[in-house]
Amino acid sequence: MDYASPTLTGTAMASAMDKWPAAARLVAVAAVGHLPTATSGSLGSYTTPGDTTAKRPDHVFALFGHGVRTVCLCIESKTHARLLEKDIGPRLTLYTEALFESAPSIHRTEKASPWAIYDTSWERRDVVFASAGSYLCTSDEPFRGLPEGTSLDIQIGIAFSADAQRCTFHLRGDTGRGRALVDYVATLPNWGEFATIVVNS
């Protein structure tokens, strides 16, 4: 079953999700201003550098098949690694855990089914939350400029070919959970001919 925010229309959400392999299906694109439940208050501020309160992720993915529990991967996207903030990892998961305590707005039971209003009782399943930072990089130094203390589980450096027709995802796990997830993601099929996965230590 898929869930989503109403600010992503059924057509847009279906189009985005259908491009991803089933094992890494897009749950929600949580860019700033795109989640109606993403308000300030108890969840805190989202714009102050160095803030220690919850931070809205830029992207949220569900990873299936890694262990018994579904993994919710919360991603902070930056142009460069050096822009990642200190302790951003726990802030991303804190926000998403709080968000998932509320019922979704729409859902569908099958991939080909139309989206419908979610009007039944909601109980969050047992989910593992993990965090990642994503940024542009070069293949020779994928994590150059990465500051210490981001407290992220996974680093994702993305390098594009000179003709911009291919990209390489440089993955590095910085925690035990992150290393296990990186090893799992690297084994997933259907990344396509235009993407290459490289696991870095």
N, C-alpha and C. Protein backbone atom coordinates (compact mmCIF):
# COMPACT_ATOMS: atom_id res chain seq x y z
N MET A 1 0.85 -1.19 0.00
CA MET A 1 0.00 0.00 0.00
C MET A 1 0.88 1.24 0.00
N ASP A 2 0.47 2.26 -0.75
CA ASP A 2 1.22 3.50 -0.83
C ASP A 2 0.46 4.61 -0.14
N TYR A 3 1.19 5.55 0.47
CA TYR A 3 0.61 6.69 1.14
C TYR A 3 1.27 7.96 0.60
N ALA A 4 0.54 9.08 0.69
CA ALA A 4 1.12 10.32 0.18
C ALA A 4 0.45 11.53 0.77
N SER A 5 1.07 12.69 0.52
CA SER A 5 0.51 13.98 0.89
C SER A 5 -0.35 14.49 -0.24
N PRO A 6 -1.46 15.20 0.04
CA PRO A 6 -2.33 15.68 -1.02
C PRO A 6 -1.68 16.76 -1.87
N THR A 7 -0.58 17.36 -1.43
CA THR A 7 0.06 18.40 -2.23
C THR A 7 0.79 17.80 -3.41
N LEU A 8 0.98 16.48 -3.42
CA LEU A 8 1.51 15.79 -4.59
C LEU A 8 0.32 15.10 -5.22
N THR A 9 -0.10 15.56 -6.39
CA THR A 9 -1.31 15.03 -7.00
C THR A 9 -1.15 13.57 -7.34
N GLY A 10 -2.28 12.88 -7.53
CA GLY A 10 -2.22 11.47 -7.85
C GLY A 10 -1.36 11.18 -9.07
N THR A 11 -1.51 11.98 -10.13
CA THR A 11 -0.74 11.77 -11.36
C THR A 11 0.74 11.98 -11.12
N ALA A 12 1.09 13.07 -10.44
CA ALA A 12 2.50 13.37 -10.20
C ALA A 12 3.14 12.31 -9.32
N MET A 13 2.43 11.91 -8.26
CA MET A 13 2.97 10.91 -7.36
C MET A 13 3.14 9.57 -8.06
N ALA A 14 2.13 9.18 -8.83
CA ALA A 14 2.21 7.91 -9.52
C ALA A 14 3.37 7.91 -10.51
N SER A 15 3.55 9.00 -11.23
CA SER A 15 4.63 9.09 -12.20
C SER A 15 5.99 8.96 -11.52
N ALA A 16 6.16 9.64 -10.39
CA ALA A 16 7.43 9.60 -9.68
C ALA A 16 7.70 8.21 -9.13
N MET A 17 6.69 7.61 -8.53
CA MET A 17 6.88 6.31 -7.88
C MET A 17 7.13 5.21 -8.88
N ASP A 18 6.47 5.28 -10.05
CA ASP A 18 6.57 4.20 -11.01
C ASP A 18 7.95 4.11 -11.65
N LYS A 19 8.78 5.13 -11.49
CA LYS A 19 10.12 5.11 -12.06
C LYS A 19 11.14 4.45 -11.14
N TRP A 20 10.73 4.10 -9.91
CA TRP A 20 11.67 3.52 -8.95
C TRP A 20 11.42 2.03 -8.80
N PRO A 21 12.49 1.26 -8.54
CA PRO A 21 12.30 -0.17 -8.30
C PRO A 21 11.46 -0.38 -7.06
N ALA A 22 10.76 -1.51 -7.02
CA ALA A 22 9.85 -1.78 -5.91
C ALA A 22 10.56 -1.76 -4.57
N ALA A 23 11.83 -2.14 -4.54
CA ALA A 23 12.56 -2.21 -3.28
C ALA A 23 12.95 -0.85 -2.75
N ALA A 24 12.83 0.18 -3.57
CA ALA A 24 13.20 1.52 -3.12
C ALA A 24 12.13 2.51 -3.55
N ARG A 25 10.87 2.21 -3.23
CA ARG A 25 9.75 3.00 -3.71
C ARG A 25 9.66 4.35 -3.00
N LEU A 26 9.41 5.38 -3.79
CA LEU A 26 9.27 6.72 -3.25
C LEU A 26 7.99 6.84 -2.45
N VAL A 27 8.11 7.26 -1.20
CA VAL A 27 6.94 7.43 -0.35
C VAL A 27 6.46 8.87 -0.40
N ALA A 28 7.36 9.82 -0.27
CA ALA A 28 6.96 11.23 -0.30
C ALA A 28 8.16 12.09 -0.61
N VAL A 29 7.94 13.15 -1.39
CA VAL A 29 8.99 14.12 -1.64
C VAL A 29 8.71 15.30 -0.73
N ALA A 30 9.53 15.42 0.31
CA ALA A 30 9.24 16.38 1.37
C ALA A 30 10.06 17.65 1.22
N ALA A 31 10.02 18.23 0.03
CA ALA A 31 10.72 19.50 -0.17
C ALA A 31 10.03 20.59 0.65
N VAL A 32 10.77 21.64 0.96
CA VAL A 32 10.23 22.72 1.78
C VAL A 32 8.95 23.26 1.15
N GLY A 33 7.90 23.34 1.96
CA GLY A 33 6.64 23.87 1.49
C GLY A 33 5.72 22.84 0.86
N HIS A 34 6.11 21.57 0.84
CA HIS A 34 5.30 20.56 0.17
C HIS A 34 4.61 19.60 1.10
N LEU A 35 4.78 19.76 2.41
CA LEU A 35 4.07 18.89 3.34
C LEU A 35 3.14 19.75 4.21
N PRO A 36 1.84 19.55 4.07
CA PRO A 36 0.90 20.38 4.82
C PRO A 36 1.03 20.24 6.32
N THR A 37 1.56 19.10 6.78
CA THR A 37 1.72 18.90 8.22
C THR A 37 3.04 19.46 8.72
N ALA A 38 3.86 19.99 7.81
CA ALA A 38 5.18 20.49 8.19
C ALA A 38 5.12 21.94 8.63
N THR A 39 4.69 22.15 9.86
CA THR A 39 4.61 23.50 10.40
C THR A 39 5.59 23.65 11.54
N SER A 40 5.82 24.87 11.93
CA SER A 40 6.70 25.08 13.07
C SER A 40 5.94 24.77 14.36
N GLY A 41 6.47 25.14 15.49
CA GLY A 41 5.80 24.80 16.74
C GLY A 41 6.57 23.70 17.43
N SER A 42 5.88 22.60 17.73
CA SER A 42 6.52 21.53 18.50
C SER A 42 7.66 20.87 17.73
N LEU A 43 7.60 20.91 16.39
CA LEU A 43 8.66 20.30 15.61
C LEU A 43 9.84 21.23 15.43
N GLY A 44 9.70 22.49 15.73
CA GLY A 44 10.84 23.39 15.71
C GLY A 44 11.07 24.10 14.40
N SER A 45 12.23 24.73 14.31
CA SER A 45 12.59 25.55 13.15
C SER A 45 13.28 24.71 12.09
N TYR A 46 13.24 25.20 10.83
CA TYR A 46 13.83 24.45 9.73
C TYR A 46 14.84 25.29 8.94
N THR A 47 15.08 26.52 9.34
CA THR A 47 15.91 27.40 8.54
C THR A 47 17.13 27.94 9.27
N THR A 48 17.20 27.76 10.56
CA THR A 48 18.29 28.34 11.33
C THR A 48 19.49 27.41 11.37
N PRO A 49 20.64 27.80 10.77
CA PRO A 49 21.83 26.95 10.81
C PRO A 49 22.24 26.65 12.25
N GLY A 50 22.61 25.40 12.49
CA GLY A 50 23.04 25.02 13.82
C GLY A 50 21.90 24.72 14.78
N ASP A 51 20.67 24.85 14.32
CA ASP A 51 19.51 24.57 15.17
C ASP A 51 19.53 23.09 15.56
N THR A 52 19.13 22.79 16.77
CA THR A 52 19.15 21.41 17.25
C THR A 52 17.77 20.77 17.26
N THR A 53 16.75 21.48 16.76
CA THR A 53 15.40 20.92 16.72
C THR A 53 15.22 20.10 15.45
N ALA A 54 14.01 19.55 15.29
CA ALA A 54 13.73 18.69 14.14
C ALA A 54 13.87 19.47 12.83
N LYS A 55 14.25 18.75 11.78
CA LYS A 55 14.45 19.35 10.45
C LYS A 55 13.73 18.53 9.40
N ARG A 56 12.94 19.16 8.58
CA ARG A 56 12.20 18.48 7.53
C ARG A 56 13.17 17.92 6.47
N PRO A 57 13.10 16.63 6.15
CA PRO A 57 13.97 16.07 5.10
C PRO A 57 13.56 16.60 3.73
N ASP A 58 14.50 16.58 2.80
CA ASP A 58 14.18 16.95 1.43
C ASP A 58 13.51 15.78 0.70
N HIS A 59 13.86 14.56 1.07
CA HIS A 59 13.28 13.37 0.45
C HIS A 59 13.11 12.28 1.51
N VAL A 60 12.06 11.47 1.34
CA VAL A 60 11.82 10.35 2.25
C VAL A 60 11.54 9.11 1.41
N PHE A 61 12.34 8.07 1.61
CA PHE A 61 12.19 6.83 0.86
C PHE A 61 11.90 5.68 1.81
N ALA A 62 11.17 4.69 1.29
CA ALA A 62 10.98 3.44 2.03
C ALA A 62 11.81 2.36 1.36
N LEU A 63 12.61 1.67 2.14
CA LEU A 63 13.42 0.56 1.63
C LEU A 63 12.86 -0.74 2.18
N PHE A 64 12.49 -1.66 1.28
CA PHE A 64 11.91 -2.93 1.68
C PHE A 64 12.90 -4.06 1.46
N GLY A 65 12.79 -5.11 2.26
CA GLY A 65 13.59 -6.29 2.05
C GLY A 65 14.87 -6.34 2.84
N HIS A 66 15.18 -5.27 3.59
CA HIS A 66 16.38 -5.28 4.42
C HIS A 66 15.95 -5.58 5.86
N GLY A 67 16.02 -6.84 6.23
CA GLY A 67 15.56 -7.23 7.55
C GLY A 67 14.05 -7.33 7.60
N VAL A 68 13.54 -7.47 8.80
CA VAL A 68 12.10 -7.65 8.99
C VAL A 68 11.35 -6.35 8.86
N ARG A 69 11.94 -5.25 9.36
CA ARG A 69 11.24 -3.98 9.38
C ARG A 69 11.57 -3.12 8.16
N THR A 70 10.57 -2.35 7.70
CA THR A 70 10.79 -1.39 6.62
C THR A 70 11.73 -0.29 7.11
N VAL A 71 12.61 0.17 6.24
CA VAL A 71 13.52 1.26 6.58
C VAL A 71 13.03 2.55 5.95
N CYS A 72 12.90 3.58 6.75
CA CYS A 72 12.52 4.90 6.27
C CYS A 72 13.79 5.74 6.19
N LEU A 73 14.22 6.05 4.97
CA LEU A 73 15.46 6.80 4.76
C LEU A 73 15.15 8.27 4.54
N CYS A 74 15.65 9.12 5.45
CA CYS A 74 15.39 10.56 5.43
C CYS A 74 16.63 11.26 4.87
N ILE A 75 16.48 11.99 3.77
CA ILE A 75 17.63 12.53 3.05
C ILE A 75 17.64 14.06 3.06
N GLU A 76 18.80 14.62 3.38
CA GLU A 76 19.07 16.05 3.29
C GLU A 76 19.90 16.28 2.03
N SER A 77 19.39 17.09 1.09
CA SER A 77 20.08 17.34 -0.17
C SER A 77 20.76 18.70 -0.14
N LYS A 78 22.03 18.73 -0.54
CA LYS A 78 22.79 19.98 -0.63
C LYS A 78 23.56 20.00 -1.95
N THR A 79 23.93 21.20 -2.38
CA THR A 79 24.75 21.30 -3.59
C THR A 79 26.13 20.72 -3.35
N HIS A 80 26.70 21.01 -2.18
CA HIS A 80 28.03 20.53 -1.83
C HIS A 80 28.01 19.92 -0.43
N ALA A 81 28.90 18.98 -0.20
CA ALA A 81 28.97 18.29 1.10
C ALA A 81 29.25 19.27 2.24
N ARG A 82 30.04 20.29 1.97
CA ARG A 82 30.43 21.22 3.04
C ARG A 82 29.26 21.98 3.64
N LEU A 83 28.11 21.96 2.96
CA LEU A 83 26.94 22.70 3.44
C LEU A 83 26.09 21.91 4.44
N LEU A 84 26.43 20.65 4.66
CA LEU A 84 25.68 19.86 5.64
C LEU A 84 25.95 20.39 7.05
N GLU A 85 24.89 20.44 7.85
CA GLU A 85 25.00 21.01 9.19
C GLU A 85 25.39 19.95 10.23
N LYS A 86 25.91 20.42 11.31
CA LYS A 86 26.27 19.55 12.43
C LYS A 86 25.02 18.88 13.00
N ASP A 87 25.13 17.59 13.26
CA ASP A 87 24.05 16.80 13.86
C ASP A 87 22.75 16.85 13.07
N ILE A 88 22.85 16.98 11.75
CA ILE A 88 21.64 17.03 10.93
C ILE A 88 20.92 15.68 10.89
N GLY A 89 21.66 14.58 11.03
CA GLY A 89 21.04 13.26 10.96
C GLY A 89 19.91 13.03 11.93
N PRO A 90 20.14 13.19 13.23
CA PRO A 90 19.06 12.99 14.20
C PRO A 90 17.91 13.97 14.02
N ARG A 91 18.18 15.16 13.53
CA ARG A 91 17.11 16.14 13.31
C ARG A 91 16.16 15.67 12.21
N LEU A 92 16.71 15.04 11.17
CA LEU A 92 15.87 14.53 10.08
C LEU A 92 14.97 13.41 10.55
N THR A 93 15.53 12.46 11.30
CA THR A 93 14.73 11.33 11.76
C THR A 93 13.72 11.77 12.82
N LEU A 94 14.07 12.74 13.64
CA LEU A 94 13.14 13.24 14.64
C LEU A 94 11.90 13.81 13.99
N TYR A 95 12.09 14.60 12.94
CA TYR A 95 10.95 15.19 12.23
C TYR A 95 10.08 14.10 11.61
N THR A 96 10.71 13.14 10.92
CA THR A 96 9.95 12.13 10.20
C THR A 96 9.21 11.20 11.15
N GLU A 97 9.82 10.85 12.25
CA GLU A 97 9.13 10.03 13.24
C GLU A 97 7.88 10.72 13.74
N ALA A 98 7.98 12.02 14.00
CA ALA A 98 6.81 12.78 14.47
C ALA A 98 5.75 12.85 13.38
N LEU A 99 6.17 13.06 12.14
CA LEU A 99 5.23 13.15 11.02
C LEU A 99 4.47 11.84 10.83
N PHE A 100 5.17 10.72 10.98
CA PHE A 100 4.55 9.43 10.75
C PHE A 100 3.59 9.02 11.86
N GLU A 101 3.55 9.78 12.93
CA GLU A 101 2.56 9.51 13.97
C GLU A 101 1.17 9.94 13.52
N SER A 102 1.10 10.81 12.49
CA SER A 102 -0.19 11.28 11.97
C SER A 102 -0.60 10.43 10.78
N ALA A 103 -1.90 10.31 10.57
CA ALA A 103 -2.41 9.53 9.45
C ALA A 103 -2.09 10.21 8.13
N PRO A 104 -1.84 9.44 7.04
CA PRO A 104 -1.62 10.04 5.72
C PRO A 104 -2.91 10.64 5.19
N SER A 105 -2.81 11.46 4.17
CA SER A 105 -3.99 12.11 3.59
C SER A 105 -4.63 11.27 2.50
N ILE A 106 -3.81 10.61 1.67
CA ILE A 106 -4.33 9.78 0.60
C ILE A 106 -3.56 8.47 0.55
N HIS A 107 -4.12 7.46 -0.11
CA HIS A 107 -3.48 6.16 -0.21
C HIS A 107 -4.01 5.42 -1.42
N ARG A 108 -3.34 4.31 -1.77
CA ARG A 108 -3.84 3.40 -2.78
C ARG A 108 -3.39 2.00 -2.40
N THR A 109 -4.23 1.01 -2.68
CA THR A 109 -3.94 -0.35 -2.25
C THR A 109 -3.02 -1.08 -3.22
N GLU A 110 -3.05 -0.72 -4.50
CA GLU A 110 -2.20 -1.33 -5.51
C GLU A 110 -1.57 -0.24 -6.36
N LYS A 111 -0.46 -0.60 -7.02
CA LYS A 111 0.27 0.39 -7.82
C LYS A 111 -0.60 1.00 -8.92
N ALA A 112 -1.49 0.18 -9.50
CA ALA A 112 -2.33 0.67 -10.60
C ALA A 112 -3.65 1.27 -10.11
N SER A 113 -3.89 1.23 -8.81
CA SER A 113 -5.15 1.74 -8.27
C SER A 113 -5.15 3.27 -8.21
N PRO A 114 -6.31 3.89 -8.29
CA PRO A 114 -6.37 5.35 -8.15
C PRO A 114 -6.14 5.76 -6.69
N TRP A 115 -5.66 6.96 -6.50
CA TRP A 115 -5.46 7.48 -5.15
C TRP A 115 -6.82 7.79 -4.52
N ALA A 116 -6.94 7.57 -3.22
CA ALA A 116 -8.20 7.81 -2.51
C ALA A 116 -7.90 8.44 -1.16
N ILE A 117 -8.88 9.15 -0.62
CA ILE A 117 -8.75 9.77 0.69
C ILE A 117 -8.58 8.68 1.75
N TYR A 118 -7.62 8.86 2.64
CA TYR A 118 -7.40 7.90 3.71
C TYR A 118 -8.33 8.25 4.87
N ASP A 119 -9.30 7.39 5.13
CA ASP A 119 -10.32 7.71 6.13
C ASP A 119 -10.49 6.61 7.17
N THR A 120 -9.48 5.77 7.34
CA THR A 120 -9.55 4.72 8.35
C THR A 120 -8.58 5.04 9.49
N SER A 121 -8.63 4.24 10.52
CA SER A 121 -7.75 4.48 11.66
C SER A 121 -6.30 4.24 11.26
N TRP A 122 -5.38 4.95 11.90
CA TRP A 122 -3.96 4.88 11.54
C TRP A 122 -3.13 4.41 12.72
N GLU A 123 -2.30 3.44 12.48
CA GLU A 123 -1.34 3.00 13.47
C GLU A 123 -0.02 2.76 12.76
N ARG A 124 1.00 3.52 13.13
CA ARG A 124 2.28 3.41 12.45
C ARG A 124 2.90 2.03 12.67
N ARG A 125 3.37 1.43 11.61
CA ARG A 125 4.03 0.13 11.72
C ARG A 125 5.42 0.30 12.32
N ASP A 126 5.99 -0.81 12.68
CA ASP A 126 7.33 -0.79 13.26
C ASP A 126 8.34 -0.49 12.15
N VAL A 127 8.90 0.70 12.15
CA VAL A 127 9.76 1.17 11.08
C VAL A 127 11.12 1.57 11.66
N VAL A 128 12.18 1.31 10.90
CA VAL A 128 13.52 1.76 11.26
C VAL A 128 13.79 3.08 10.53
N PHE A 129 14.22 4.11 11.25
CA PHE A 129 14.51 5.40 10.63
C PHE A 129 16.02 5.57 10.49
N ALA A 130 16.44 6.00 9.30
CA ALA A 130 17.85 6.25 9.04
C ALA A 130 17.99 7.56 8.28
N SER A 131 19.17 8.16 8.34
CA SER A 131 19.38 9.46 7.70
C SER A 131 20.52 9.41 6.69
N ALA A 132 20.46 10.30 5.71
CA ALA A 132 21.50 10.36 4.68
C ALA A 132 21.67 11.80 4.21
N GLY A 133 22.89 12.11 3.77
CA GLY A 133 23.17 13.39 3.14
C GLY A 133 23.50 13.15 1.68
N SER A 134 22.97 13.99 0.79
CA SER A 134 23.18 13.82 -0.65
C SER A 134 23.70 15.12 -1.23
N TYR A 135 24.67 15.03 -2.14
CA TYR A 135 25.28 16.24 -2.71
C TYR A 135 26.06 15.87 -3.97
N LEU A 136 26.36 16.89 -4.78
CA LEU A 136 27.17 16.70 -5.97
C LEU A 136 28.61 16.49 -5.57
N CYS A 137 29.34 15.72 -6.37
CA CYS A 137 30.73 15.43 -6.04
C CYS A 137 31.51 15.10 -7.30
N THR A 138 32.80 14.84 -7.13
CA THR A 138 33.63 14.29 -8.20
C THR A 138 33.99 12.86 -7.80
N SER A 139 34.19 12.01 -8.79
CA SER A 139 34.44 10.60 -8.49
C SER A 139 35.79 10.36 -7.81
N ASP A 140 36.75 11.28 -8.04
CA ASP A 140 38.05 11.07 -7.42
C ASP A 140 38.06 11.45 -5.95
N GLU A 141 37.20 12.42 -5.56
CA GLU A 141 37.08 12.82 -4.15
C GLU A 141 35.60 13.02 -3.81
N PRO A 142 34.85 11.94 -3.72
CA PRO A 142 33.39 12.07 -3.56
C PRO A 142 32.93 12.75 -2.28
N PHE A 143 33.75 12.70 -1.22
CA PHE A 143 33.31 13.26 0.06
C PHE A 143 34.17 14.45 0.49
N ARG A 144 34.78 15.08 -0.46
CA ARG A 144 35.62 16.24 -0.18
C ARG A 144 34.80 17.37 0.46
N GLY A 145 35.33 17.94 1.52
CA GLY A 145 34.67 19.05 2.18
C GLY A 145 33.62 18.66 3.18
N LEU A 146 33.38 17.36 3.33
CA LEU A 146 32.36 16.90 4.27
C LEU A 146 32.76 17.27 5.70
N PRO A 147 31.95 18.05 6.39
CA PRO A 147 32.31 18.44 7.76
C PRO A 147 32.15 17.29 8.74
N GLU A 148 32.85 17.35 9.84
CA GLU A 148 32.71 16.34 10.87
C GLU A 148 31.44 16.60 11.69
N GLY A 149 30.89 15.54 12.25
CA GLY A 149 29.78 15.71 13.18
C GLY A 149 28.42 15.87 12.56
N THR A 150 28.21 15.42 11.31
CA THR A 150 26.86 15.50 10.72
C THR A 150 25.93 14.48 11.35
N SER A 151 26.49 13.42 11.92
CA SER A 151 25.71 12.35 12.57
C SER A 151 24.73 11.67 11.60
N LEU A 152 25.09 11.63 10.33
CA LEU A 152 24.28 10.95 9.33
C LEU A 152 24.67 9.48 9.24
N ASP A 153 23.71 8.63 8.93
CA ASP A 153 24.00 7.22 8.76
C ASP A 153 24.71 6.94 7.44
N ILE A 154 24.33 7.68 6.40
CA ILE A 154 24.84 7.42 5.04
C ILE A 154 25.22 8.72 4.35
N GLN A 155 26.32 8.68 3.60
CA GLN A 155 26.72 9.77 2.72
C GLN A 155 26.47 9.34 1.28
N ILE A 156 25.90 10.25 0.46
CA ILE A 156 25.63 9.95 -0.94
C ILE A 156 26.21 11.06 -1.80
N GLY A 157 27.34 10.78 -2.43
CA GLY A 157 27.93 11.74 -3.35
C GLY A 157 27.53 11.37 -4.77
N ILE A 158 27.05 12.33 -5.55
CA ILE A 158 26.56 12.06 -6.91
C ILE A 158 27.44 12.76 -7.92
N ALA A 159 28.09 11.97 -8.77
CA ALA A 159 28.98 12.50 -9.80
C ALA A 159 28.39 12.25 -11.18
N PHE A 160 28.32 13.29 -11.99
CA PHE A 160 27.78 13.16 -13.35
C PHE A 160 28.91 13.06 -14.36
N SER A 161 28.66 12.34 -15.44
CA SER A 161 29.63 12.25 -16.52
C SER A 161 29.72 13.60 -17.23
N ALA A 162 30.76 13.78 -18.04
CA ALA A 162 30.98 15.05 -18.73
C ALA A 162 29.81 15.42 -19.64
N ASP A 163 29.16 14.42 -20.22
CA ASP A 163 28.03 14.69 -21.11
C ASP A 163 26.70 14.69 -20.36
N ALA A 164 26.76 14.52 -19.04
CA ALA A 164 25.57 14.53 -18.17
C ALA A 164 24.58 13.42 -18.52
N GLN A 165 25.04 12.37 -19.19
CA GLN A 165 24.16 11.28 -19.56
C GLN A 165 24.20 10.12 -18.56
N ARG A 166 25.21 10.12 -17.71
CA ARG A 166 25.37 9.07 -16.73
C ARG A 166 25.71 9.67 -15.36
N CYS A 167 25.40 8.94 -14.31
CA CYS A 167 25.78 9.40 -12.98
C CYS A 167 26.27 8.23 -12.14
N THR A 168 27.12 8.55 -11.19
CA THR A 168 27.64 7.55 -10.27
C THR A 168 27.26 7.95 -8.85
N PHE A 169 26.64 7.03 -8.14
CA PHE A 169 26.28 7.25 -6.75
C PHE A 169 27.38 6.67 -5.87
N HIS A 170 28.11 7.53 -5.17
CA HIS A 170 29.13 7.08 -4.23
C HIS A 170 28.49 6.98 -2.85
N LEU A 171 28.38 5.78 -2.33
CA LEU A 171 27.71 5.54 -1.06
C LEU A 171 28.72 5.18 0.02
N ARG A 172 28.53 5.75 1.20
CA ARG A 172 29.38 5.42 2.34
C ARG A 172 28.55 5.37 3.61
N GLY A 173 28.65 4.29 4.34
CA GLY A 173 27.95 4.18 5.61
C GLY A 173 28.84 4.70 6.73
N ASP A 174 28.32 5.61 7.53
CA ASP A 174 29.10 6.19 8.62
C ASP A 174 28.71 5.65 9.99
N THR A 175 27.70 4.79 10.03
CA THR A 175 27.30 4.11 11.27
C THR A 175 27.10 2.64 10.94
N GLY A 176 26.93 1.81 11.96
CA GLY A 176 26.66 0.40 11.70
C GLY A 176 25.42 0.22 10.85
N ARG A 177 24.38 0.94 11.19
CA ARG A 177 23.13 0.86 10.40
C ARG A 177 23.37 1.34 8.99
N GLY A 178 24.11 2.43 8.85
CA GLY A 178 24.37 2.99 7.53
C GLY A 178 25.16 2.03 6.65
N ARG A 179 26.18 1.38 7.21
CA ARG A 179 26.99 0.45 6.43
C ARG A 179 26.16 -0.75 5.97
N ALA A 180 25.29 -1.24 6.83
CA ALA A 180 24.43 -2.36 6.45
C ALA A 180 23.47 -1.95 5.33
N LEU A 181 22.92 -0.76 5.41
CA LEU A 181 21.99 -0.28 4.38
C LEU A 181 22.69 -0.06 3.06
N VAL A 182 23.90 0.52 3.10
CA VAL A 182 24.66 0.76 1.88
C VAL A 182 24.95 -0.56 1.17
N ASP A 183 25.37 -1.56 1.92
CA ASP A 183 25.65 -2.87 1.32
C ASP A 183 24.40 -3.46 0.69
N TYR A 184 23.25 -3.25 1.33
CA TYR A 184 21.99 -3.77 0.80
C TYR A 184 21.58 -3.02 -0.47
N VAL A 185 21.61 -1.69 -0.42
CA VAL A 185 21.19 -0.89 -1.57
C VAL A 185 22.05 -1.20 -2.80
N ALA A 186 23.34 -1.45 -2.59
CA ALA A 186 24.24 -1.74 -3.71
C ALA A 186 23.88 -3.03 -4.43
N THR A 187 23.14 -3.91 -3.76
CA THR A 187 22.76 -5.19 -4.39
C THR A 187 21.42 -5.12 -5.11
N LEU A 188 20.70 -4.01 -4.98
CA LEU A 188 19.37 -3.92 -5.59
C LEU A 188 19.48 -3.87 -7.11
N PRO A 189 18.57 -4.56 -7.82
CA PRO A 189 18.59 -4.54 -9.29
C PRO A 189 17.86 -3.31 -9.83
N ASN A 190 17.87 -3.18 -11.13
CA ASN A 190 17.06 -2.17 -11.84
C ASN A 190 17.45 -0.74 -11.56
N TRP A 191 18.73 -0.48 -11.34
CA TRP A 191 19.15 0.92 -11.24
C TRP A 191 19.23 1.57 -12.62
N GLY A 192 19.26 0.74 -13.65
CA GLY A 192 19.26 1.28 -15.01
C GLY A 192 20.66 1.45 -15.56
N GLU A 193 20.74 1.61 -16.86
CA GLU A 193 22.03 1.70 -17.53
C GLU A 193 22.71 3.04 -17.32
N PHE A 194 22.00 4.02 -16.81
CA PHE A 194 22.57 5.35 -16.67
C PHE A 194 23.08 5.65 -15.26
N ALA A 195 22.96 4.68 -14.36
CA ALA A 195 23.40 4.89 -12.98
C ALA A 195 24.32 3.77 -12.54
N THR A 196 25.39 4.15 -11.84
CA THR A 196 26.34 3.19 -11.29
C THR A 196 26.45 3.40 -9.79
N ILE A 197 26.46 2.32 -9.03
CA ILE A 197 26.59 2.40 -7.59
C ILE A 197 28.01 2.01 -7.18
N VAL A 198 28.67 2.86 -6.41
CA VAL A 198 30.00 2.57 -5.90
C VAL A 198 29.96 2.69 -4.38
N VAL A 199 30.38 1.64 -3.70
CA VAL A 199 30.42 1.65 -2.23
C VAL A 199 31.83 2.06 -1.79
N ASN A 200 31.90 3.12 -1.01
CA ASN A 200 33.18 3.63 -0.50
C ASN A 200 33.32 3.31 0.99
N SER A 201 34.53 3.07 1.42
CA SER A 201 34.77 2.80 2.84
C SER A 201 35.20 4.07 3.54
